[in-house]
C-alpha cells in the first residue's frame, strides 16, 4: 500500500501553524462531542434571521476522519486511514 504523500493531499500548501491550530480545535471538538459536553443541536436568533447548527453521530465519524487527515499531513501518522481487510 502506498504511503501518504502530503504534497498530493487536499491540504497541500497550507501553512503548518494553521493546520496545527485546526487540528487542536478539531481534537477538542471531538472530545467535547464524545463526552456530551457539546450540544448536538443549537439554535439562536440574530438580526439577520435564525441560525442553527446540528452535530450527529455521523459528524463524529467525519470529524475523526478529518483529524486523521490533518495528522497525516503534519507527519504525526503515516497515513490517514488503513484499508479494511480480511485475513484467513
N, C-alpha and C. Protein backbone atom coordinates (compact mmCIF):
# COMPACT_ATOMS: atom_id res chain seq x y z
N UNK A 1 0.85 -1.17 0.00
CA UNK A 1 0.00 0.00 0.00
C UNK A 1 0.90 1.24 0.00
N UNK A 2 0.64 2.18 -0.90
CA UNK A 2 1.49 3.37 -0.96
C UNK A 2 1.33 4.26 0.28
N UNK A 3 2.40 4.88 0.64
CA UNK A 3 2.38 5.80 1.78
C UNK A 3 1.65 7.08 1.42
N UNK A 4 1.19 7.76 2.43
CA UNK A 4 0.52 9.05 2.26
C UNK A 4 1.52 10.07 1.74
N UNK A 5 1.13 10.83 0.74
CA UNK A 5 2.00 11.85 0.15
C UNK A 5 1.42 13.23 0.44
N UNK A 6 1.99 13.97 1.42
CA UNK A 6 1.45 15.28 1.79
C UNK A 6 1.45 16.29 0.64
N UNK A 7 2.32 16.09 -0.34
CA UNK A 7 2.37 17.03 -1.46
C UNK A 7 1.20 16.84 -2.42
N UNK A 8 0.48 15.73 -2.30
CA UNK A 8 -0.65 15.46 -3.19
C UNK A 8 -1.98 15.52 -2.44
N UNK A 9 -1.95 15.89 -1.20
CA UNK A 9 -3.15 15.98 -0.37
C UNK A 9 -3.96 17.23 -0.70
N UNK A 10 -5.22 17.20 -0.35
CA UNK A 10 -6.06 18.39 -0.49
C UNK A 10 -5.57 19.53 0.41
N UNK A 11 -4.80 19.19 1.43
CA UNK A 11 -4.30 20.18 2.37
C UNK A 11 -2.90 20.69 2.01
N UNK A 12 -2.35 20.20 0.91
CA UNK A 12 -1.01 20.61 0.48
C UNK A 12 -0.97 22.11 0.26
N UNK A 13 0.12 22.73 0.73
CA UNK A 13 0.30 24.16 0.55
C UNK A 13 -0.22 25.02 1.69
N UNK A 14 -0.97 24.43 2.60
CA UNK A 14 -1.47 25.19 3.74
C UNK A 14 -0.36 25.39 4.75
N UNK A 15 -0.40 26.49 5.45
CA UNK A 15 0.59 26.82 6.47
C UNK A 15 0.51 25.80 7.61
N UNK A 16 1.66 25.30 8.04
CA UNK A 16 1.73 24.29 9.09
C UNK A 16 1.12 24.78 10.40
N UNK A 17 1.37 26.03 10.76
CA UNK A 17 0.82 26.54 12.02
C UNK A 17 -0.72 26.59 11.96
N UNK A 18 -1.27 26.89 10.79
CA UNK A 18 -2.73 26.89 10.64
C UNK A 18 -3.27 25.47 10.76
N UNK A 19 -2.59 24.51 10.14
CA UNK A 19 -3.02 23.11 10.24
C UNK A 19 -2.96 22.63 11.69
N UNK A 20 -1.91 22.99 12.41
CA UNK A 20 -1.78 22.59 13.81
C UNK A 20 -2.88 23.20 14.67
N UNK A 21 -3.22 24.44 14.42
CA UNK A 21 -4.28 25.11 15.19
C UNK A 21 -5.63 24.44 14.92
N UNK A 22 -5.91 24.13 13.64
CA UNK A 22 -7.17 23.46 13.29
C UNK A 22 -7.23 22.06 13.89
N UNK A 23 -6.10 21.35 13.88
CA UNK A 23 -6.05 20.02 14.46
C UNK A 23 -6.38 20.07 15.94
N UNK A 24 -5.78 21.00 16.66
CA UNK A 24 -6.05 21.14 18.10
C UNK A 24 -7.52 21.44 18.36
N UNK A 25 -8.10 22.33 17.55
CA UNK A 25 -9.52 22.68 17.73
C UNK A 25 -10.42 21.49 17.41
N UNK A 26 -10.12 20.77 16.35
CA UNK A 26 -10.94 19.61 15.98
C UNK A 26 -10.83 18.49 17.00
N UNK A 27 -9.65 18.31 17.56
CA UNK A 27 -9.49 17.30 18.60
C UNK A 27 -10.31 17.68 19.83
N UNK A 28 -10.33 18.97 20.18
CA UNK A 28 -11.13 19.41 21.31
C UNK A 28 -12.62 19.23 21.01
N UNK A 29 -13.04 19.57 19.79
CA UNK A 29 -14.44 19.36 19.39
C UNK A 29 -14.82 17.89 19.48
N UNK A 30 -13.91 17.01 19.03
CA UNK A 30 -14.16 15.57 19.09
C UNK A 30 -14.36 15.12 20.53
N UNK A 31 -13.47 15.59 21.41
CA UNK A 31 -13.61 15.23 22.83
C UNK A 31 -14.89 15.77 23.43
N UNK A 32 -15.24 17.00 23.09
CA UNK A 32 -16.46 17.61 23.61
C UNK A 32 -17.71 16.86 23.13
N UNK A 33 -17.74 16.50 21.84
CA UNK A 33 -18.88 15.76 21.31
C UNK A 33 -18.95 14.36 21.91
N UNK A 34 -17.80 13.70 22.02
CA UNK A 34 -17.77 12.34 22.55
C UNK A 34 -18.22 12.27 24.00
N UNK A 35 -17.86 13.27 24.76
CA UNK A 35 -18.19 13.26 26.19
C UNK A 35 -19.54 13.88 26.50
N UNK A 36 -20.21 14.41 25.49
CA UNK A 36 -21.51 15.02 25.72
C UNK A 36 -21.43 16.46 26.20
N UNK A 37 -20.24 17.03 26.23
CA UNK A 37 -20.08 18.41 26.68
C UNK A 37 -20.60 19.41 25.65
N UNK A 38 -20.60 19.01 24.38
CA UNK A 38 -21.07 19.89 23.32
C UNK A 38 -22.47 19.43 22.93
N UNK A 39 -23.39 20.37 22.76
CA UNK A 39 -24.76 20.02 22.42
C UNK A 39 -24.83 19.51 20.99
N UNK A 40 -25.82 18.67 20.72
CA UNK A 40 -26.00 18.13 19.37
C UNK A 40 -26.70 19.12 18.44
N UNK A 41 -27.58 19.93 18.98
CA UNK A 41 -28.29 20.92 18.17
C UNK A 41 -28.33 22.23 18.92
N UNK A 42 -28.04 23.30 18.23
CA UNK A 42 -28.09 24.63 18.84
C UNK A 42 -28.78 25.58 17.86
N UNK A 43 -29.70 26.39 18.35
CA UNK A 43 -30.39 27.37 17.53
C UNK A 43 -30.35 28.72 18.23
N UNK A 44 -30.29 29.78 17.45
CA UNK A 44 -30.33 31.11 18.02
C UNK A 44 -30.86 32.08 16.98
N UNK A 45 -31.41 33.20 17.45
CA UNK A 45 -31.94 34.22 16.55
C UNK A 45 -30.99 35.41 16.54
N UNK A 46 -30.83 35.98 15.37
CA UNK A 46 -29.95 37.12 15.20
C UNK A 46 -30.69 38.14 14.34
N UNK A 47 -30.14 39.31 14.20
CA UNK A 47 -30.79 40.35 13.40
C UNK A 47 -31.07 39.93 11.97
N UNK A 48 -30.23 39.09 11.41
CA UNK A 48 -30.41 38.67 10.01
C UNK A 48 -31.16 37.35 9.89
N UNK A 49 -31.78 36.87 10.94
CA UNK A 49 -32.55 35.64 10.90
C UNK A 49 -32.08 34.64 11.93
N UNK A 50 -32.70 33.48 11.94
CA UNK A 50 -32.32 32.47 12.92
C UNK A 50 -31.28 31.54 12.33
N UNK A 51 -30.44 31.04 13.17
CA UNK A 51 -29.35 30.15 12.77
C UNK A 51 -29.43 28.87 13.60
N UNK A 52 -28.94 27.79 13.04
CA UNK A 52 -28.86 26.55 13.82
C UNK A 52 -27.67 25.73 13.35
N UNK A 53 -27.15 24.96 14.26
CA UNK A 53 -26.04 24.05 13.99
C UNK A 53 -26.44 22.70 14.56
N UNK A 54 -26.22 21.65 13.79
CA UNK A 54 -26.55 20.31 14.25
C UNK A 54 -25.35 19.40 14.08
N UNK A 55 -25.01 18.68 15.13
CA UNK A 55 -23.99 17.65 15.08
C UNK A 55 -24.69 16.31 15.28
N UNK A 56 -24.27 15.32 14.57
CA UNK A 56 -24.84 13.99 14.75
C UNK A 56 -23.70 13.01 15.00
N UNK A 57 -24.03 11.78 15.28
CA UNK A 57 -23.01 10.76 15.48
C UNK A 57 -22.19 10.59 14.20
N UNK A 58 -22.81 10.77 13.03
CA UNK A 58 -22.07 10.70 11.78
C UNK A 58 -21.03 11.82 11.73
N UNK A 59 -21.36 12.96 12.30
CA UNK A 59 -20.41 14.07 12.33
C UNK A 59 -19.17 13.71 13.12
N UNK A 60 -19.33 12.91 14.16
CA UNK A 60 -18.18 12.49 14.96
C UNK A 60 -17.26 11.63 14.11
N UNK A 61 -17.81 10.75 13.31
CA UNK A 61 -17.00 9.92 12.43
C UNK A 61 -16.29 10.74 11.37
N UNK A 62 -16.99 11.70 10.80
CA UNK A 62 -16.37 12.58 9.81
C UNK A 62 -15.28 13.42 10.45
N UNK A 63 -15.54 13.90 11.65
CA UNK A 63 -14.56 14.69 12.38
C UNK A 63 -13.31 13.86 12.64
N UNK A 64 -13.49 12.61 13.03
CA UNK A 64 -12.35 11.72 13.27
C UNK A 64 -11.54 11.52 11.99
N UNK A 65 -12.23 11.39 10.84
CA UNK A 65 -11.53 11.23 9.57
C UNK A 65 -10.70 12.46 9.22
N UNK A 66 -11.26 13.64 9.45
CA UNK A 66 -10.53 14.87 9.15
C UNK A 66 -9.34 15.03 10.09
N UNK A 67 -9.51 14.65 11.35
CA UNK A 67 -8.40 14.71 12.31
C UNK A 67 -7.25 13.82 11.83
N UNK A 68 -7.57 12.62 11.37
CA UNK A 68 -6.52 11.72 10.88
C UNK A 68 -5.86 12.27 9.62
N UNK A 69 -6.65 12.93 8.77
CA UNK A 69 -6.09 13.55 7.56
C UNK A 69 -5.11 14.66 7.94
N UNK A 70 -5.48 15.48 8.90
CA UNK A 70 -4.59 16.55 9.37
C UNK A 70 -3.33 15.97 10.01
N UNK A 71 -3.50 14.91 10.79
CA UNK A 71 -2.35 14.28 11.42
C UNK A 71 -1.39 13.73 10.37
N UNK A 72 -1.92 13.14 9.32
CA UNK A 72 -1.08 12.62 8.25
C UNK A 72 -0.38 13.76 7.52
N UNK A 73 -1.08 14.85 7.26
CA UNK A 73 -0.49 15.99 6.57
C UNK A 73 0.65 16.59 7.38
N UNK A 74 0.51 16.59 8.71
CA UNK A 74 1.53 17.15 9.58
C UNK A 74 2.64 16.14 9.90
N UNK A 75 2.51 14.90 9.42
CA UNK A 75 3.53 13.89 9.66
C UNK A 75 3.44 13.21 11.00
N UNK A 76 2.32 13.36 11.69
CA UNK A 76 2.14 12.74 13.00
C UNK A 76 1.88 11.24 12.84
N UNK A 77 1.13 10.87 11.80
CA UNK A 77 0.88 9.48 11.48
C UNK A 77 1.30 9.23 10.02
N UNK A 78 1.49 7.97 9.64
CA UNK A 78 1.95 7.64 8.28
C UNK A 78 0.89 7.83 7.21
N UNK A 79 -0.32 7.46 7.51
CA UNK A 79 -1.39 7.59 6.53
C UNK A 79 -2.71 7.83 7.26
N UNK A 80 -3.64 8.53 6.61
CA UNK A 80 -4.86 8.89 7.29
C UNK A 80 -5.77 7.73 7.63
N UNK A 81 -5.71 6.65 6.87
CA UNK A 81 -6.62 5.56 7.12
C UNK A 81 -6.06 4.27 6.52
N UNK A 82 -6.19 3.20 7.24
CA UNK A 82 -5.75 1.91 6.72
C UNK A 82 -6.91 1.20 6.04
N UNK A 83 -6.59 0.42 5.05
CA UNK A 83 -7.63 -0.36 4.38
C UNK A 83 -8.14 -1.44 5.31
N UNK A 84 -9.40 -1.72 5.19
CA UNK A 84 -10.00 -2.78 5.98
C UNK A 84 -9.87 -4.06 5.17
N UNK A 85 -9.29 -5.05 5.76
CA UNK A 85 -9.10 -6.31 5.04
C UNK A 85 -9.40 -7.51 5.92
N UNK A 86 -9.58 -8.62 5.27
CA UNK A 86 -9.85 -9.85 5.98
C UNK A 86 -8.68 -10.79 5.76
N UNK A 87 -8.18 -11.37 6.81
CA UNK A 87 -7.09 -12.33 6.70
C UNK A 87 -7.59 -13.70 7.12
N UNK A 88 -7.15 -14.69 6.38
CA UNK A 88 -7.54 -16.07 6.69
C UNK A 88 -6.34 -16.84 7.15
